Amino acid sequence: MYRICFDTNEGDERARFDLGIPGALRDIEPIASELTEGMHVILYDNEELEVEAVLEFDQKHRRWMASPRWNTLKRSEE
C-alpha cells in the first residue's frame, strides 16, 4: 500500500484530507499514474500517526482527497 503524507489541519467539510499539500505531492509524484478512485493508501503525519484511507479525485479542485478509516489509526510509540 502506498504511503502519502497528509496534514490533519487540511480537512474539509466531508471529513476528507486534501492531498494537494507539498508533502503529499512529493509522495504522489512517482505514483501518480497508478492512483485510482477508491484505492486504499496509508496516510502519515510526520511519522507520528498513520491511518488507512480511501482516495477520491475532487473534480472541482482537480486534486486527490483522502477519506481516512479512523478505525485503522496507529500512533507511533515514543
PDB file of N, CA and C in Angstrom:
ATOM      1  N   MET A   1       0.854  -1.168   0.000  1.00  0.00           N
ATOM      2  CA  MET A   1       0.000   0.000   0.000  1.00  0.00           C
ATOM      3  C   MET A   1       0.907   1.240   0.000  1.00  0.00           C
ATOM      4  N   TYR A   2       0.559   2.224  -0.815  1.00  0.00           N
ATOM      5  CA  TYR A   2       1.349   3.447  -0.891  1.00  0.00           C
ATOM      6  C   TYR A   2       1.159   4.306   0.354  1.00  0.00           C
ATOM      7  N   ARG A   3       2.224   5.010   0.731  1.00  0.00           N
ATOM      8  CA  ARG A   3       2.201   5.934   1.871  1.00  0.00           C
ATOM      9  C   ARG A   3       2.226   7.366   1.326  1.00  0.00           C
ATOM     10  N   ILE A   4       1.317   8.193   1.848  1.00  0.00           N
ATOM     11  CA  ILE A   4       1.205   9.581   1.409  1.00  0.00           C
ATOM     12  C   ILE A   4       1.103  10.476   2.639  1.00  0.00           C
ATOM     13  N   CYS A   5       1.919  11.511   2.654  1.00  0.00           N
ATOM     14  CA  CYS A   5       1.904  12.485   3.737  1.00  0.00           C
ATOM     15  C   CYS A   5       0.586  13.260   3.724  1.00  0.00           C
ATOM     16  N   PHE A   6       0.094  13.609   4.915  1.00  0.00           N
ATOM     17  CA  PHE A   6      -1.090  14.453   4.995  1.00  0.00           C
ATOM     18  C   PHE A   6      -0.964  15.370   6.197  1.00  0.00           C
ATOM     19  N   ASP A   7      -1.792  16.394   6.229  1.00  0.00           N
ATOM     20  CA  ASP A   7      -1.799  17.367   7.317  1.00  0.00           C
ATOM     21  C   ASP A   7      -3.178  17.319   7.948  1.00  0.00           C
ATOM     22  N   THR A   8      -3.233  17.035   9.241  1.00  0.00           N
ATOM     23  CA  THR A   8      -4.517  16.924   9.923  1.00  0.00           C
ATOM     24  C   THR A   8      -5.287  18.241   9.944  1.00  0.00           C
ATOM     25  N   ASN A   9      -4.620  19.333   9.601  1.00  0.00           N
ATOM     26  CA  ASN A   9      -5.285  20.643   9.533  1.00  0.00           C
ATOM     27  C   ASN A   9      -5.898  20.922   8.170  1.00  0.00           C
ATOM     28  N   GLU A  10      -5.729  20.028   7.220  1.00  0.00           N
ATOM     29  CA  GLU A  10      -6.196  20.244   5.850  1.00  0.00           C
ATOM     30  C   GLU A  10      -7.441  19.421   5.513  1.00  0.00           C
ATOM     31  N   GLY A  11      -8.335  19.270   6.480  1.00  0.00           N
ATOM     32  CA  GLY A  11      -9.573  18.527   6.250  1.00  0.00           C
ATOM     33  C   GLY A  11     -10.657  19.418   5.662  1.00  0.00           C
ATOM     34  N   ASP A  12     -11.649  18.795   5.046  1.00  0.00           N
ATOM     35  CA  ASP A  12     -12.777  19.559   4.505  1.00  0.00           C
ATOM     36  C   ASP A  12     -14.068  19.186   5.234  1.00  0.00           C
ATOM     37  N   GLU A  13     -15.156  19.770   4.803  1.00  0.00           N
ATOM     38  CA  GLU A  13     -16.455  19.553   5.460  1.00  0.00           C
ATOM     39  C   GLU A  13     -16.964  18.125   5.295  1.00  0.00           C
ATOM     40  N   ARG A  14     -16.376  17.362   4.387  1.00  0.00           N
ATOM     41  CA  ARG A  14     -16.783  15.966   4.181  1.00  0.00           C
ATOM     42  C   ARG A  14     -15.834  14.991   4.883  1.00  0.00           C
ATOM     43  N   ALA A  15     -14.990  15.515   5.782  1.00  0.00           N
ATOM     44  CA  ALA A  15     -14.038  14.702   6.556  1.00  0.00           C
ATOM     45  C   ALA A  15     -12.985  14.036   5.680  1.00  0.00           C
ATOM     46  N   ARG A  16     -12.658  14.692   4.563  1.00  0.00           N
ATOM     47  CA  ARG A  16     -11.590  14.220   3.685  1.00  0.00           C
ATOM     48  C   ARG A  16     -10.378  15.121   3.897  1.00  0.00           C
ATOM     49  N   PHE A  17      -9.207  14.607   3.550  1.00  0.00           N
ATOM     50  CA  PHE A  17      -7.990  15.404   3.645  1.00  0.00           C
ATOM     51  C   PHE A  17      -7.473  15.721   2.257  1.00  0.00           C
ATOM     52  N   ASP A  18      -7.049  16.972   2.113  1.00  0.00           N
ATOM     53  CA  ASP A  18      -6.538  17.499   0.845  1.00  0.00           C
ATOM     54  C   ASP A  18      -5.112  16.999   0.633  1.00  0.00           C
ATOM     55  N   LEU A  19      -4.887  16.308  -0.464  1.00  0.00           N
ATOM     56  CA  LEU A  19      -3.553  15.802  -0.774  1.00  0.00           C
ATOM     57  C   LEU A  19      -2.828  16.713  -1.762  1.00  0.00           C
ATOM     58  N   GLY A  20      -3.238  17.968  -1.837  1.00  0.00           N
ATOM     59  CA  GLY A  20      -2.574  18.946  -2.688  1.00  0.00           C
ATOM     60  C   GLY A  20      -1.480  19.704  -1.949  1.00  0.00           C
ATOM     61  N   ILE A  21      -1.118  19.253  -0.756  1.00  0.00           N
ATOM     62  CA  ILE A  21      -0.070  19.918   0.027  1.00  0.00           C
ATOM     63  C   ILE A  21       1.306  19.424  -0.443  1.00  0.00           C
ATOM     64  N   PRO A  22       2.360  20.205  -0.203  1.00  0.00           N
ATOM     65  CA  PRO A  22       3.684  19.830  -0.722  1.00  0.00           C
ATOM     66  C   PRO A  22       4.155  18.421  -0.372  1.00  0.00           C
ATOM     67  N   GLY A  23       4.027  18.000   0.885  1.00  0.00           N
ATOM     68  CA  GLY A  23       4.487  16.658   1.258  1.00  0.00           C
ATOM     69  C   GLY A  23       3.742  15.558   0.529  1.00  0.00           C
ATOM     70  N   ALA A  24       2.427  15.722   0.391  1.00  0.00           N
ATOM     71  CA  ALA A  24       1.623  14.725  -0.324  1.00  0.00           C
ATOM     72  C   ALA A  24       1.983  14.706  -1.801  1.00  0.00           C
ATOM     73  N   LEU A  25       2.153  15.889  -2.379  1.00  0.00           N
ATOM     74  CA  LEU A  25       2.501  15.953  -3.804  1.00  0.00           C
ATOM     75  C   LEU A  25       3.844  15.283  -4.070  1.00  0.00           C
ATOM     76  N   ARG A  26       4.794  15.427  -3.142  1.00  0.00           N
ATOM     77  CA  ARG A  26       6.092  14.768  -3.271  1.00  0.00           C
ATOM     78  C   ARG A  26       5.911  13.246  -3.289  1.00  0.00           C
ATOM     79  N   ASP A  27       5.035  12.726  -2.413  1.00  0.00           N
ATOM     80  CA  ASP A  27       4.800  11.281  -2.354  1.00  0.00           C
ATOM     81  C   ASP A  27       3.995  10.784  -3.551  1.00  0.00           C
ATOM     82  N   ILE A  28       3.092  11.622  -4.056  1.00  0.00           N
ATOM     83  CA  ILE A  28       2.223  11.229  -5.166  1.00  0.00           C
ATOM     84  C   ILE A  28       2.953  11.238  -6.508  1.00  0.00           C
ATOM     85  N   GLU A  29       3.872  12.168  -6.685  1.00  0.00           N
ATOM     86  CA  GLU A  29       4.524  12.340  -7.990  1.00  0.00           C
ATOM     87  C   GLU A  29       5.016  11.042  -8.633  1.00  0.00           C
ATOM     88  N   PRO A  30       5.762  10.195  -7.926  1.00  0.00           N
ATOM     89  CA  PRO A  30       6.264   8.978  -8.586  1.00  0.00           C
ATOM     90  C   PRO A  30       5.200   7.901  -8.836  1.00  0.00           C
ATOM     91  N   ILE A  31       4.029   8.038  -8.221  1.00  0.00           N
ATOM     92  CA  ILE A  31       2.994   7.007  -8.358  1.00  0.00           C
ATOM     93  C   ILE A  31       1.714   7.551  -8.989  1.00  0.00           C
ATOM     94  N   ALA A  32       1.731   8.793  -9.434  1.00  0.00           N
ATOM     95  CA  ALA A  32       0.523   9.479  -9.915  1.00  0.00           C
ATOM     96  C   ALA A  32      -0.252   8.665 -10.950  1.00  0.00           C
ATOM     97  N   SER A  33       0.431   8.025 -11.855  1.00  0.00           N
ATOM     98  CA  SER A  33      -0.262   7.279 -12.919  1.00  0.00           C
ATOM     99  C   SER A  33      -0.946   6.020 -12.397  1.00  0.00           C
ATOM    100  N   GLU A  34      -0.623   5.606 -11.180  1.00  0.00           N
ATOM    101  CA  GLU A  34      -1.194   4.385 -10.611  1.00  0.00           C
ATOM    102  C   GLU A  34      -2.387   4.649  -9.690  1.00  0.00           C
ATOM    103  N   LEU A  35      -2.613   5.910  -9.322  1.00  0.00           N
ATOM    104  CA  LEU A  35      -3.694   6.217  -8.393  1.00  0.00           C
ATOM    105  C   LEU A  35      -5.046   6.102  -9.071  1.00  0.00           C
ATOM    106  N   THR A  36      -6.013   5.554  -8.331  1.00  0.00           N
ATOM    107  CA  THR A  36      -7.367   5.388  -8.849  1.00  0.00           C
ATOM    108  C   THR A  36      -8.377   5.706  -7.753  1.00  0.00           C
ATOM    109  N   GLU A  37      -9.562   6.089  -8.174  1.00  0.00           N
ATOM    110  CA  GLU A  37     -10.666   6.313  -7.231  1.00  0.00           C
ATOM    111  C   GLU A  37     -10.893   5.025  -6.435  1.00  0.00           C
ATOM    112  N   GLY A  38     -11.054   5.180  -5.134  1.00  0.00           N
ATOM    113  CA  GLY A  38     -11.332   4.025  -4.285  1.00  0.00           C
ATOM    114  C   GLY A  38     -10.109   3.262  -3.819  1.00  0.00           C
ATOM    115  N   MET A  39      -8.926   3.649  -4.316  1.00  0.00           N
ATOM    116  CA  MET A  39      -7.694   2.982  -3.911  1.00  0.00           C
ATOM    117  C   MET A  39      -7.425   3.245  -2.431  1.00  0.00           C
ATOM    118  N   HIS A  40      -6.941   2.226  -1.730  1.00  0.00           N
ATOM    119  CA  HIS A  40      -6.566   2.371  -0.332  1.00  0.00           C
ATOM    120  C   HIS A  40      -5.088   2.729  -0.251  1.00  0.00           C
ATOM    121  N   VAL A  41      -4.779   3.701   0.586  1.00  0.00           N
ATOM    122  CA  VAL A  41      -3.415   4.147   0.832  1.00  0.00           C
ATOM    123  C   VAL A  41      -3.234   4.320   2.337  1.00  0.00           C
ATOM    124  N   ILE A  42      -1.999   4.528   2.747  1.00  0.00           N
ATOM    125  CA  ILE A  42      -1.699   4.853   4.136  1.00  0.00           C
ATOM    126  C   ILE A  42      -1.336   6.335   4.184  1.00  0.00           C
ATOM    127  N   LEU A  43      -2.053   7.090   5.007  1.00  0.00           N
ATOM    128  CA  LEU A  43      -1.704   8.481   5.249  1.00  0.00           C
ATOM    129  C   LEU A  43      -0.818   8.534   6.480  1.00  0.00           C
ATOM    130  N   TYR A  44       0.209   9.391   6.443  1.00  0.00           N
ATOM    131  CA  TYR A  44       1.050   9.566   7.621  1.00  0.00           C
ATOM    132  C   TYR A  44       1.264  11.048   7.865  1.00  0.00           C
ATOM    133  N   ASP A  45       1.430  11.390   9.120  1.00  0.00           N
ATOM    134  CA  ASP A  45       1.613  12.776   9.531  1.00  0.00           C
ATOM    135  C   ASP A  45       2.882  12.872  10.360  1.00  0.00           C
ATOM    136  N   ASN A  46       3.957  13.311   9.750  1.00  0.00           N
ATOM    137  CA  ASN A  46       5.236  13.492  10.450  1.00  0.00           C
ATOM    138  C   ASN A  46       5.669  12.252  11.229  1.00  0.00           C
ATOM    139  N   GLU A  47       5.306  11.105  10.731  1.00  0.00           N
ATOM    140  CA  GLU A  47       5.678   9.826  11.349  1.00  0.00           C
ATOM    141  C   GLU A  47       5.106   9.639  12.753  1.00  0.00           C
ATOM    142  N   GLU A  48       4.188  10.498  13.169  1.00  0.00           N
ATOM    143  CA  GLU A  48       3.577  10.350  14.487  1.00  0.00           C
ATOM    144  C   GLU A  48       2.343   9.464  14.440  1.00  0.00           C
ATOM    145  N   LEU A  49       1.651   9.492  13.316  1.00  0.00           N
ATOM    146  CA  LEU A  49       0.474   8.637  13.181  1.00  0.00           C
ATOM    147  C   LEU A  49       0.327   8.203  11.741  1.00  0.00           C
ATOM    148  N   GLU A  50      -0.387   7.116  11.565  1.00  0.00           N
ATOM    149  CA  GLU A  50      -0.743   6.676  10.221  1.00  0.00           C
ATOM    150  C   GLU A  50      -2.127   6.061  10.275  1.00  0.00           C
ATOM    151  N   VAL A  51      -2.813   6.176   9.134  1.00  0.00           N
ATOM    152  CA  VAL A  51      -4.179   5.697   9.048  1.00  0.00           C
ATOM    153  C   VAL A  51      -4.459   5.290   7.603  1.00  0.00           C
ATOM    154  N   GLU A  52      -5.190   4.213   7.438  1.00  0.00           N
ATOM    155  CA  GLU A  52      -5.595   3.804   6.093  1.00  0.00           C
ATOM    156  C   GLU A  52      -6.666   4.775   5.607  1.00  0.00           C
ATOM    157  N   ALA A  53      -6.633   5.062   4.309  1.00  0.00           N
ATOM    158  CA  ALA A  53      -7.605   5.992   3.733  1.00  0.00           C
ATOM    159  C   ALA A  53      -7.967   5.544   2.320  1.00  0.00           C
ATOM    160  N   VAL A  54      -9.091   6.066   1.850  1.00  0.00           N
ATOM    161  CA  VAL A  54      -9.576   5.768   0.504  1.00  0.00           C
ATOM    162  C   VAL A  54      -9.471   7.044  -0.327  1.00  0.00           C
ATOM    163  N   LEU A  55      -8.901   6.918  -1.524  1.00  0.00           N
ATOM    164  CA  LEU A  55      -8.713   8.070  -2.395  1.00  0.00           C
ATOM    165  C   LEU A  55      -9.966   8.433  -3.176  1.00  0.00           C
ATOM    166  N   GLU A  56     -10.103   9.721  -3.402  1.00  0.00           N
ATOM    167  CA  GLU A  56     -11.180  10.258  -4.235  1.00  0.00           C
ATOM    168  C   GLU A  56     -10.612  11.458  -4.983  1.00  0.00           C
ATOM    169  N   PHE A  57     -10.860  11.546  -6.286  1.00  0.00           N
ATOM    170  CA  PHE A  57     -10.377  12.699  -7.042  1.00  0.00           C
ATOM    171  C   PHE A  57     -11.458  13.764  -7.035  1.00  0.00           C
ATOM    172  N   ASP A  58     -11.116  14.940  -6.532  1.00  0.00           N
ATOM    173  CA  ASP A  58     -12.041  16.067  -6.459  1.00  0.00           C
ATOM    174  C   ASP A  58     -11.970  16.824  -7.786  1.00  0.00           C
ATOM    175  N   GLN A  59     -12.994  16.664  -8.604  1.00  0.00           N
ATOM    176  CA  GLN A  59     -13.017  17.286  -9.931  1.00  0.00           C
ATOM    177  C   GLN A  59     -13.031  18.812  -9.853  1.00  0.00           C
ATOM    178  N   LYS A  60     -13.747  19.341  -8.890  1.00  0.00           N
ATOM    179  CA  LYS A  60     -13.859  20.800  -8.762  1.00  0.00           C
ATOM    180  C   LYS A  60     -12.494  21.449  -8.529  1.00  0.00           C
ATOM    181  N   HIS A  61     -11.695  20.856  -7.640  1.00  0.00           N
ATOM    182  CA  HIS A  61     -10.397  21.426  -7.293  1.00  0.00           C
ATOM    183  C   HIS A  61      -9.228  20.737  -8.002  1.00  0.00           C
ATOM    184  N   ARG A  62      -9.532  19.704  -8.778  1.00  0.00           N
ATOM    185  CA  ARG A  62      -8.528  18.982  -9.573  1.00  0.00           C
ATOM    186  C   ARG A  62      -7.371  18.461  -8.722  1.00  0.00           C
ATOM    187  N   ARG A  63      -7.734  17.763  -7.624  1.00  0.00           N
ATOM    188  CA  ARG A  63      -6.706  17.174  -6.767  1.00  0.00           C
ATOM    189  C   ARG A  63      -7.267  15.962  -6.032  1.00  0.00           C
ATOM    190  N   TRP A  64      -6.340  15.154  -5.546  1.00  0.00           N
ATOM    191  CA  TRP A  64      -6.721  13.967  -4.789  1.00  0.00           C
ATOM    192  C   TRP A  64      -7.088  14.360  -3.365  1.00  0.00           C
ATOM    193  N   MET A  65      -8.107  13.696  -2.869  1.00  0.00           N
ATOM    194  CA  MET A  65      -8.553  13.820  -1.486  1.00  0.00           C
ATOM    195  C   MET A  65      -8.517  12.408  -0.896  1.00  0.00           C
ATOM    196  N   ALA A  66      -8.448  12.326   0.413  1.00  0.00           N
ATOM    197  CA  ALA A  66      -8.402  11.022   1.072  1.00  0.00           C
ATOM    198  C   ALA A  66      -9.363  11.001   2.254  1.00  0.00           C
ATOM    199  N   SER A  67     -10.168   9.957   2.315  1.00  0.00           N
ATOM    200  CA  SER A  67     -11.101   9.757   3.425  1.00  0.00           C
ATOM    201  C   SER A  67     -10.517   8.704   4.364  1.00  0.00           C
ATOM    202  N   PRO A  68     -10.100   9.120   5.553  1.00  0.00           N
ATOM    203  CA  PRO A  68      -9.482   8.161   6.472  1.00  0.00           C
ATOM    204  C   PRO A  68     -10.469   7.161   7.050  1.00  0.00           C
ATOM    205  N   ARG A  69      -9.969   6.001   7.340  1.00  0.00           N
ATOM    206  CA  ARG A  69     -10.704   4.956   8.050  1.00  0.00           C
ATOM    207  C   ARG A  69     -10.129   4.950   9.460  1.00  0.00           C
ATOM    208  N   TRP A  70     -10.719   5.782  10.338  1.00  0.00           N
ATOM    209  CA  TRP A  70     -10.132   6.035  11.648  1.00  0.00           C
ATOM    210  C   TRP A  70      -9.983   4.787  12.506  1.00  0.00           C
ATOM    211  N   ASN A  71     -10.718   3.733  12.212  1.00  0.00           N
ATOM    212  CA  ASN A  71     -10.565   2.504  12.993  1.00  0.00           C
ATOM    213  C   ASN A  71      -9.219   1.817  12.727  1.00  0.00           C
ATOM    214  N   THR A  72      -8.459   2.312  11.742  1.00  0.00           N
ATOM    215  CA  THR A  72      -7.137   1.744  11.440  1.00  0.00           C
ATOM    216  C   THR A  72      -6.009   2.615  11.972  1.00  0.00           C
ATOM    217  N   LEU A  73      -6.319   3.651  12.720  1.00  0.00           N
ATOM    218  CA  LEU A  73      -5.328   4.606  13.222  1.00  0.00           C
ATOM    219  C   LEU A  73      -4.262   3.923  14.058  1.00  0.00           C
ATOM    220  N   LYS A  74      -2.991   4.271  13.772  1.00  0.00           N
ATOM    221  CA  LYS A  74      -1.865   3.792  14.561  1.00  0.00           C
ATOM    222  C   LYS A  74      -1.014   5.000  14.927  1.00  0.00           C
ATOM    223  N   ARG A  75      -0.644   5.087  16.190  1.00  0.00           N
ATOM    224  CA  ARG A  75       0.230   6.162  16.661  1.00  0.00           C
ATOM    225  C   ARG A  75       1.598   5.565  16.943  1.00  0.00           C
ATOM    226  N   SER A  76       2.640   6.357  16.655  1.00  0.00           N
ATOM    227  CA  SER A  76       3.986   5.865  16.912  1.00  0.00           C
ATOM    228  C   SER A  76       4.240   5.804  18.412  1.00  0.00           C
ATOM    229  N   GLU A  77       5.017   4.839  18.809  1.00  0.00           N
ATOM    230  CA  GLU A  77       5.396   4.680  20.215  1.00  0.00           C
ATOM    231  C   GLU A  77       6.659   5.482  20.423  1.00  0.00           C
ATOM    232  N   GLU A  78       6.614   6.452  21.293  1.00  0.00           N
ATOM    233  CA  GLU A  78       7.816   7.270  21.537  1.00  0.00           C
ATOM    234  C   GLU A  78       8.463   6.907  22.831  1.00  0.00           C
TER     235      GLU A  78
END
